[in-house]
Amino acid sequence: MSPTGSVVFVTDRVSDALILFDVDSCGNGTVGTDEQCDDGNATGGDGCSATCRLELCASTPMSGCRKPAAGKGRVVLKDDTINLRDSLNWRWSKGQATDLNEFGDPPTTTSYLLCVYDGSGASQPLLSFAAPRGQTCDGAPCWKAKTSAFGYRDGSLTPDSIVSIKLNAGALDGEPSITVRGRARICSFPRWRSSCR
C-alpha cells in the first residue's frame, strides 16, 4: 500500500506484472461502489454518515404516509442458510393517488431508502436498503424516467443489494404502485449477516 493509503500495489513475479488499485475512502467526495453517499467529510448527522451510508431512516416509521388498498402491501425477507439465496421483495400496490412529481427526481436529486422496522424493543430500523440518486450501474444510469414512472435497475447490486425498483404514478386511487426487489450480493445483504458461508 502507498504511504498515503490511497493506492494498493499487487505484483506477479511469474509475469513480472504490477497492478495498481485506487482505494476509495469514505469522505473523499467521490461515491464508491459500496458507498451510498460521500459528502466529502467523515461527519455523521448531516444526511451522509461517517461510513458513507444514507441517513434517511428515522428511529421510528414516518406517520401520515400513503397506504395501499387493504391486503395490497407486502414485504418478504428471505434469510436462507445459503446466503446467495437471501432475497427481499416489497410490494405496495393499488395505492392512493400519487402524481409522478411526488416521487421526486431519482435520476438526479432524490435518493430512496427502504427502512424495515418491527415491534420489538431492539434498536430501529432493523434493516435499510438504499438506491441512491443519480448513480451509474453497469455503465448506464441506475434510475430512468418514463412518462408515468421511474425505474431503477442494478445488476451489480451496489451499494445495498437492490436489483430493481418500480415507482408507478397514478391520478386515481388504486393506480399507483411501488415494487422493490433485492437479492444477496457475493455472500449476504450488508449488515444482514456477520459472516459469509
Protein backbone atom coordinates (compact mmCIF):
# COMPACT_ATOMS: atom_id res chain seq x y z
CA MET A 1 0.00 0.00 0.00
CA SER A 2 1.22 3.50 -0.73
CA PRO A 3 2.30 5.70 2.20
CA THR A 4 -0.90 7.75 1.93
CA GLY A 5 -3.09 4.63 1.79
CA SER A 6 -4.68 5.72 -1.49
CA VAL A 7 -3.15 3.04 -3.74
CA VAL A 8 -2.73 -0.74 -3.37
CA PHE A 9 0.05 -2.38 -5.37
CA VAL A 10 -0.23 -6.03 -6.47
CA THR A 11 2.72 -7.80 -8.09
CA ASP A 12 3.04 -11.03 -10.03
CA ARG A 13 6.57 -12.44 -10.11
CA VAL A 14 5.75 -15.05 -12.77
CA SER A 15 4.79 -12.48 -15.41
CA ASP A 16 6.66 -9.52 -13.91
CA ALA A 17 3.37 -7.61 -13.68
CA LEU A 18 2.45 -4.73 -11.39
CA ILE A 19 -1.19 -3.76 -10.92
CA LEU A 20 -2.37 -0.61 -9.15
CA PHE A 21 -5.73 -0.31 -7.40
CA ASP A 22 -7.09 3.03 -6.21
CA VAL A 23 -8.51 2.85 -2.70
CA ASP A 24 -11.84 4.60 -2.37
CA SER A 25 -12.05 6.18 1.06
CA CYS A 26 -15.24 7.34 2.70
CA GLY A 27 -15.14 11.12 2.97
CA ASN A 28 -13.20 11.84 -0.22
CA GLY A 29 -16.21 13.32 -2.03
CA THR A 30 -16.48 10.51 -4.60
CA VAL A 31 -19.23 7.89 -4.25
CA GLY A 32 -17.55 4.47 -4.45
CA THR A 33 -19.09 1.16 -5.45
CA ASP A 34 -20.00 0.14 -1.90
CA GLU A 35 -20.97 3.64 -0.72
CA GLN A 36 -24.47 5.07 -0.66
CA CYS A 37 -23.19 8.64 -0.50
CA ASP A 38 -19.96 10.61 0.02
CA ASP A 39 -20.30 14.25 1.02
CA GLY A 40 -16.57 14.87 1.41
CA ASN A 41 -16.41 14.51 5.19
CA ALA A 42 -16.49 11.83 7.88
CA THR A 43 -19.15 13.53 9.99
CA GLY A 44 -22.44 11.83 10.78
CA GLY A 45 -25.80 13.52 11.22
CA ASP A 46 -25.63 15.55 8.02
CA GLY A 47 -27.51 13.12 5.77
CA CYS A 48 -24.42 11.02 4.94
CA SER A 49 -22.89 9.04 7.81
CA ALA A 50 -19.21 8.71 8.76
CA THR A 51 -19.29 5.31 6.98
CA CYS A 52 -20.89 6.77 3.81
CA ARG A 53 -24.39 5.39 4.39
CA LEU A 54 -27.52 7.46 3.76
CA GLU A 55 -29.10 8.73 6.97
CA LEU A 56 -32.73 8.86 5.96
CA CYS A 57 -34.25 6.14 8.16
CA ALA A 58 -35.62 7.62 11.36
CA SER A 59 -35.73 5.61 14.59
CA THR A 60 -39.50 5.15 14.10
CA PRO A 61 -41.59 4.79 10.92
CA MET A 62 -42.97 8.01 9.46
CA SER A 63 -46.63 8.79 10.05
CA GLY A 64 -49.10 10.13 7.51
CA CYS A 65 -47.74 8.07 4.61
CA ARG A 66 -49.97 6.99 1.76
CA LYS A 67 -51.26 3.49 2.10
CA PRO A 68 -52.08 0.73 -0.34
CA ALA A 69 -55.51 -0.86 -0.53
CA ALA A 70 -56.23 -3.39 2.23
CA GLY A 71 -54.12 -6.50 1.73
CA LYS A 72 -52.07 -4.93 -1.06
CA GLY A 73 -48.93 -4.13 0.92
CA ARG A 74 -46.44 -6.93 1.43
CA VAL A 75 -42.80 -7.42 2.40
CA VAL A 76 -40.98 -10.77 2.21
CA LEU A 77 -37.44 -11.12 3.56
CA LYS A 78 -35.83 -14.49 2.97
CA ASP A 79 -32.78 -15.28 5.13
CA ASP A 80 -31.65 -18.63 3.71
CA THR A 81 -28.95 -20.86 5.19
CA ILE A 82 -27.26 -20.43 1.79
CA ASN A 83 -26.58 -16.70 1.71
CA LEU A 84 -26.79 -16.37 -2.07
CA ARG A 85 -30.48 -17.29 -1.77
CA ASP A 86 -31.26 -14.37 0.57
CA SER A 87 -33.86 -12.12 -1.01
CA LEU A 88 -36.06 -9.09 -0.46
CA ASN A 89 -39.42 -8.40 -2.10
CA TRP A 90 -41.59 -5.43 -1.16
CA ARG A 91 -44.82 -4.54 -2.89
CA TRP A 92 -47.11 -1.54 -2.39
CA SER A 93 -49.91 -1.92 -4.91
CA LYS A 94 -53.24 -0.22 -5.53
CA GLY A 95 -52.04 2.81 -3.62
CA GLN A 96 -53.60 6.20 -3.03
CA ALA A 97 -53.43 8.68 -5.93
CA THR A 98 -49.85 9.84 -6.45
CA ASP A 99 -48.54 12.25 -9.08
CA LEU A 100 -45.19 11.43 -10.70
CA ASN A 101 -43.67 14.64 -9.30
CA GLU A 102 -44.41 13.43 -5.77
CA PHE A 103 -41.78 10.70 -6.23
CA GLY A 104 -39.16 13.44 -6.58
CA ASP A 105 -36.47 13.08 -9.26
CA PRO A 106 -34.43 9.90 -8.60
CA PRO A 107 -32.23 10.27 -11.72
CA THR A 108 -30.78 13.50 -10.32
CA THR A 109 -31.83 14.61 -6.84
CA THR A 110 -33.92 12.07 -4.89
CA SER A 111 -32.37 9.05 -3.13
CA TYR A 112 -34.57 6.19 -1.94
CA LEU A 113 -34.18 4.07 1.18
CA LEU A 114 -36.36 1.12 2.19
CA CYS A 115 -36.45 1.01 6.01
CA VAL A 116 -37.56 -2.16 7.81
CA TYR A 117 -38.98 -1.91 11.36
CA ASP A 118 -40.65 -4.31 13.75
CA GLY A 119 -42.47 -4.03 17.06
CA SER A 120 -39.63 -5.24 19.28
CA GLY A 121 -37.60 -3.18 21.70
CA ALA A 122 -34.49 -3.60 19.54
CA SER A 123 -32.77 -0.62 18.00
CA GLN A 124 -34.71 0.50 14.90
CA PRO A 125 -34.72 0.35 11.95
CA LEU A 126 -33.58 -3.27 11.76
CA LEU A 127 -32.56 -3.05 8.09
CA SER A 128 -32.20 -0.40 5.41
CA PHE A 129 -31.62 -0.76 1.68
CA ALA A 130 -30.50 2.18 -0.46
CA ALA A 131 -30.99 3.21 -4.07
CA PRO A 132 -29.01 6.48 -4.28
CA ARG A 133 -29.89 9.21 -6.76
CA GLY A 134 -28.05 9.82 -10.00
CA GLN A 135 -25.61 6.93 -9.95
CA THR A 136 -24.33 4.68 -12.72
CA CYS A 137 -24.99 0.93 -12.70
CA ASP A 138 -23.24 -1.37 -15.17
CA GLY A 139 -22.20 1.61 -17.30
CA ALA A 140 -25.69 3.14 -17.56
CA PRO A 141 -27.83 5.34 -15.29
CA CYS A 142 -29.34 3.30 -12.44
CA TRP A 143 -32.52 5.39 -12.49
CA LYS A 144 -34.58 6.05 -15.63
CA ALA A 145 -37.62 8.29 -16.01
CA LYS A 146 -40.65 7.25 -18.04
CA THR A 147 -43.93 9.02 -18.81
CA SER A 148 -45.66 7.98 -15.58
CA ALA A 149 -42.98 6.02 -13.73
CA PHE A 150 -39.40 5.80 -12.52
CA GLY A 151 -37.38 2.62 -12.78
CA TYR A 152 -34.17 1.52 -11.06
CA ARG A 153 -32.01 -1.44 -12.11
CA ASP A 154 -28.62 -2.55 -10.84
CA GLY A 155 -27.27 -5.92 -11.92
CA SER A 156 -24.16 -5.36 -9.79
CA LEU A 157 -26.31 -4.97 -6.64
CA THR A 158 -24.37 -1.95 -5.37
CA PRO A 159 -24.38 -0.47 -2.86
CA ASP A 160 -27.09 -2.38 -0.98
CA SER A 161 -28.21 -5.44 -2.96
CA ILE A 162 -31.22 -3.77 -4.63
CA VAL A 163 -31.93 -5.35 -8.04
CA SER A 164 -34.85 -3.20 -9.15
CA ILE A 165 -37.38 -0.59 -8.10
CA LYS A 166 -40.52 0.48 -9.96
CA LEU A 167 -42.36 3.65 -8.94
CA ASN A 168 -45.63 3.90 -10.88
CA ALA A 169 -47.72 7.05 -10.56
CA GLY A 170 -51.47 7.26 -10.96
CA ALA A 171 -54.09 10.01 -10.81
CA LEU A 172 -56.71 7.78 -9.21
CA ASP A 173 -56.72 5.69 -6.04
CA GLY A 174 -55.75 2.13 -6.89
CA GLU A 175 -53.48 3.07 -9.83
CA PRO A 176 -50.10 3.84 -8.16
CA SER A 177 -47.74 1.05 -7.16
CA ILE A 178 -44.21 0.51 -5.88
CA THR A 179 -42.16 -2.67 -6.06
CA VAL A 180 -38.65 -3.31 -4.73
CA ARG A 181 -36.60 -6.46 -5.35
CA GLY A 182 -33.25 -7.34 -3.84
CA ARG A 183 -31.01 -10.34 -3.50
CA ALA A 184 -27.75 -11.30 -1.88
CA ARG A 185 -24.53 -9.95 -3.36
CA ILE A 186 -21.49 -12.26 -3.11
CA CYS A 187 -22.47 -13.68 0.28
CA SER A 188 -25.15 -11.63 2.02
CA PHE A 189 -27.03 -8.39 2.32
CA PRO A 190 -24.99 -5.66 4.03
CA ARG A 191 -25.38 -5.92 7.80
CA TRP A 192 -27.82 -8.85 7.34
CA ARG A 193 -25.26 -11.41 8.48
CA SER A 194 -21.98 -11.06 10.33
CA SER A 195 -20.14 -13.65 8.23
CA CYS A 196 -20.24 -15.38 4.87
CA ARG A 197 -20.74 -19.09 4.28
